[in-house]
C-alpha atoms as a PDB file:
ATOM      1  CA  MET A   1     -18.660  24.678 -57.241  1.00  0.00           C
ATOM      2  CA  GLU A   2     -21.707  24.976 -59.323  1.00  0.00           C
ATOM      3  CA  LYS A   3     -21.902  28.120 -61.622  1.00  0.00           C
ATOM      4  CA  ARG A   4     -25.466  29.196 -61.252  1.00  0.00           C
ATOM      5  CA  TYR A   5     -25.166  32.472 -63.307  1.00  0.00           C
ATOM      6  CA  LYS A   6     -23.658  33.174 -66.720  1.00  0.00           C
ATOM      7  CA  LEU A   7     -21.475  36.073 -67.268  1.00  0.00           C
ATOM      8  CA  VAL A   8     -21.791  38.100 -70.429  1.00  0.00           C
ATOM      9  CA  PHE A   9     -18.918  40.547 -71.020  1.00  0.00           C
ATOM     10  CA  ASP A  10     -19.094  44.129 -72.580  1.00  0.00           C
ATOM     11  CA  GLU A  11     -16.653  45.069 -75.284  1.00  0.00           C
ATOM     12  CA  VAL A  12     -15.049  47.702 -72.896  1.00  0.00           C
ATOM     13  CA  ILE A  13     -14.192  45.262 -70.399  1.00  0.00           C
ATOM     14  CA  GLY A  14     -12.719  42.794 -73.491  1.00  0.00           C
ATOM     15  CA  LYS A  15     -10.383  45.543 -73.741  1.00  0.00           C
ATOM     16  CA  GLN A  16      -9.461  45.762 -70.197  1.00  0.00           C
ATOM     17  CA  LEU A  17      -8.890  42.044 -69.698  1.00  0.00           C
ATOM     18  CA  THR A  18      -6.407  42.043 -72.797  1.00  0.00           C
ATOM     19  CA  LYS A  19      -4.573  44.879 -70.986  1.00  0.00           C
ATOM     20  CA  ALA A  20      -4.567  43.206 -67.627  1.00  0.00           C
ATOM     21  CA  SER A  21      -3.488  39.572 -68.662  1.00  0.00           C
ATOM     22  CA  LYS A  22      -0.094  41.048 -68.810  1.00  0.00           C
ATOM     23  CA  ASN A  23      -0.307  41.635 -64.992  1.00  0.00           C
ATOM     24  CA  GLN A  24      -0.652  38.299 -63.406  1.00  0.00           C
ATOM     25  CA  ALA A  25      -1.678  39.279 -59.982  1.00  0.00           C
ATOM     26  CA  ILE A  26      -4.663  41.489 -61.474  1.00  0.00           C
ATOM     27  CA  LYS A  27      -5.520  38.655 -63.793  1.00  0.00           C
ATOM     28  CA  GLU A  28      -5.495  35.990 -60.999  1.00  0.00           C
ATOM     29  CA  ILE A  29      -7.822  38.756 -58.838  1.00  0.00           C
ATOM     30  CA  LEU A  30     -10.219  39.201 -61.693  1.00  0.00           C
ATOM     31  CA  ARG A  31     -10.519  35.446 -62.222  1.00  0.00           C
ATOM     32  CA  LYS A  32     -11.124  34.989 -58.788  1.00  0.00           C
ATOM     33  CA  MET A  33     -14.088  37.697 -58.656  1.00  0.00           C
ATOM     34  CA  PHE A  34     -15.591  36.208 -61.890  1.00  0.00           C
ATOM     35  CA  ASP A  35     -15.565  32.762 -60.533  1.00  0.00           C
ATOM     36  CA  LYS A  36     -17.358  34.058 -57.316  1.00  0.00           C
ATOM     37  CA  LEU A  37     -19.851  36.025 -59.553  1.00  0.00           C
ATOM     38  CA  GLU A  38     -20.711  33.015 -61.340  1.00  0.00           C
ATOM     39  CA  GLU A  39     -21.288  30.857 -58.206  1.00  0.00           C
ATOM     40  CA  ASP A  40     -22.684  33.199 -55.577  1.00  0.00           C
ATOM     41  CA  GLY A  41     -24.553  35.731 -58.111  1.00  0.00           C
ATOM     42  CA  PRO A  42     -24.831  39.619 -57.896  1.00  0.00           C
ATOM     43  CA  ASP A  43     -25.282  39.933 -54.198  1.00  0.00           C
ATOM     44  CA  ILE A  44     -21.892  39.472 -53.060  1.00  0.00           C
ATOM     45  CA  GLY A  45     -21.385  43.223 -54.550  1.00  0.00           C
ATOM     46  CA  ASN A  46     -22.713  46.492 -53.239  1.00  0.00           C
ATOM     47  CA  LEU A  47     -26.071  47.666 -55.022  1.00  0.00           C
ATOM     48  CA  LEU A  48     -25.497  50.941 -56.629  1.00  0.00           C
ATOM     49  CA  ASP A  49     -28.908  51.402 -58.403  1.00  0.00           C
ATOM     50  CA  SER A  50     -32.036  49.180 -57.211  1.00  0.00           C
ATOM     51  CA  ARG A  51     -33.965  50.176 -60.469  1.00  0.00           C
ATOM     52  CA  LEU A  52     -31.413  49.126 -62.863  1.00  0.00           C
ATOM     53  CA  TYR A  53     -29.706  46.426 -60.604  1.00  0.00           C
ATOM     54  CA  LEU A  54     -26.403  47.762 -61.235  1.00  0.00           C
ATOM     55  CA  TYR A  55     -23.506  46.610 -58.753  1.00  0.00           C
ATOM     56  CA  GLU A  56     -20.274  47.112 -57.662  1.00  0.00           C
ATOM     57  CA  LEU A  57     -17.609  44.546 -56.417  1.00  0.00           C
ATOM     58  CA  LYS A  58     -14.426  45.678 -54.526  1.00  0.00           C
ATOM     59  CA  THR A  59     -11.147  44.288 -53.599  1.00  0.00           C
ATOM     60  CA  LYS A  60      -8.906  46.045 -51.469  1.00  0.00           C
ATOM     61  CA  ARG A  61      -5.260  45.104 -52.218  1.00  0.00           C
ATOM     62  CA  PRO A  62      -4.830  46.085 -54.806  1.00  0.00           C
ATOM     63  CA  PRO A  63      -8.238  48.531 -54.786  1.00  0.00           C
ATOM     64  CA  ILE A  64     -10.152  47.293 -57.937  1.00  0.00           C
ATOM     65  CA  ARG A  65     -13.675  47.732 -58.806  1.00  0.00           C
ATOM     66  CA  LEU A  66     -15.921  45.633 -60.909  1.00  0.00           C
ATOM     67  CA  TYR A  67     -19.421  46.943 -62.109  1.00  0.00           C
ATOM     68  CA  TYR A  68     -21.928  44.620 -63.436  1.00  0.00           C
ATOM     69  CA  LYS A  69     -25.756  44.400 -64.058  1.00  0.00           C
ATOM     70  CA  HIS A  70     -27.791  41.612 -63.074  1.00  0.00           C
ATOM     71  CA  ASN A  71     -30.638  40.626 -65.536  1.00  0.00           C
ATOM     72  CA  LEU A  72     -33.502  38.969 -63.463  1.00  0.00           C
ATOM     73  CA  GLN A  73     -35.154  37.197 -66.298  1.00  0.00           C
ATOM     74  CA  THR A  74     -32.034  35.311 -67.871  1.00  0.00           C
ATOM     75  CA  ASN A  75     -30.121  35.185 -64.592  1.00  0.00           C
ATOM     76  CA  GLU A  76     -27.239  36.629 -66.803  1.00  0.00           C
ATOM     77  CA  ILE A  77     -24.447  38.971 -65.137  1.00  0.00           C
ATOM     78  CA  TYR A  78     -23.278  41.575 -67.503  1.00  0.00           C
ATOM     79  CA  VAL A  79     -19.794  42.741 -66.624  1.00  0.00           C
ATOM     80  CA  PHE A  80     -19.365  46.240 -67.978  1.00  0.00           C
ATOM     81  CA  GLU A  81     -15.799  47.158 -66.637  1.00  0.00           C
ATOM     82  CA  PHE A  82     -13.309  47.463 -63.961  1.00  0.00           C
ATOM     83  CA  GLU A  83     -10.873  49.937 -62.785  1.00  0.00           C
ATOM     84  CA  MET A  84      -8.251  50.691 -60.240  1.00  0.00           C
ATOM     85  CA  LYS A  85      -9.606  52.799 -57.475  1.00  0.00           C
ATOM     86  CA  THR A  86      -8.349  56.404 -57.854  1.00  0.00           C
ATOM     87  CA  SER A  87     -10.764  58.915 -56.611  1.00  0.00           C
ATOM     88  CA  GLU A  88     -14.431  59.592 -55.561  1.00  0.00           C
ATOM     89  CA  ASP A  89     -14.953  61.859 -58.541  1.00  0.00           C
ATOM     90  CA  LYS A  90     -13.624  59.335 -60.821  1.00  0.00           C
ATOM     91  CA  GLN A  91     -16.000  56.479 -59.081  1.00  0.00           C
ATOM     92  CA  GLN A  92     -19.015  58.758 -59.502  1.00  0.00           C
ATOM     93  CA  LYS A  93     -18.318  59.509 -63.393  1.00  0.00           C
ATOM     94  CA  THR A  94     -17.968  56.042 -63.989  1.00  0.00           C
ATOM     95  CA  ILE A  95     -21.205  54.962 -62.142  1.00  0.00           C
ATOM     96  CA  HIS A  96     -22.772  57.786 -63.924  1.00  0.00           C
ATOM     97  CA  LYS A  97     -21.710  56.468 -67.350  1.00  0.00           C
ATOM     98  CA  LEU A  98     -22.718  53.008 -66.507  1.00  0.00           C
ATOM     99  CA  ARG A  99     -26.272  53.900 -65.307  1.00  0.00           C
ATOM    100  CA  PHE A 100     -26.953  55.347 -68.854  1.00  0.00           C
ATOM    101  CA  LYS A 101     -25.193  52.443 -70.620  1.00  0.00           C
ATOM    102  CA  SER A 102     -27.367  49.948 -68.623  1.00  0.00           C
ATOM    103  CA  GLN A 103     -30.596  51.742 -69.363  1.00  0.00           C
ATOM    104  CA  ASP A 104     -29.838  50.980 -73.061  1.00  0.00           C
ATOM    105  CA  LEU A 105     -29.138  47.519 -72.596  1.00  0.00           C
ATOM    106  CA  PHE A 106     -32.711  46.261 -71.360  1.00  0.00           C
END
């Protein structure tokens, strides 16, 4: 298992990971998602915005969405946050918020 991509965590996901560490099942799922991102890169997720390289990675059970951005020059993946799937409206609000956040990043 070669790790070809470096993960950089946002302060929001840092707080979320602290809370998630209490639930062993979610912690393990997120660990697997992070490992897969480090090995296979951003293409394992769905591209949400091609100009900003904003992606979403989903699991079905439990329904978790992980949002991240790929920096092509440094080959780093910036992990913004994750959320449990609740509704389409909440997902769109999160995506909209992350678009503004990722524009400020670079």
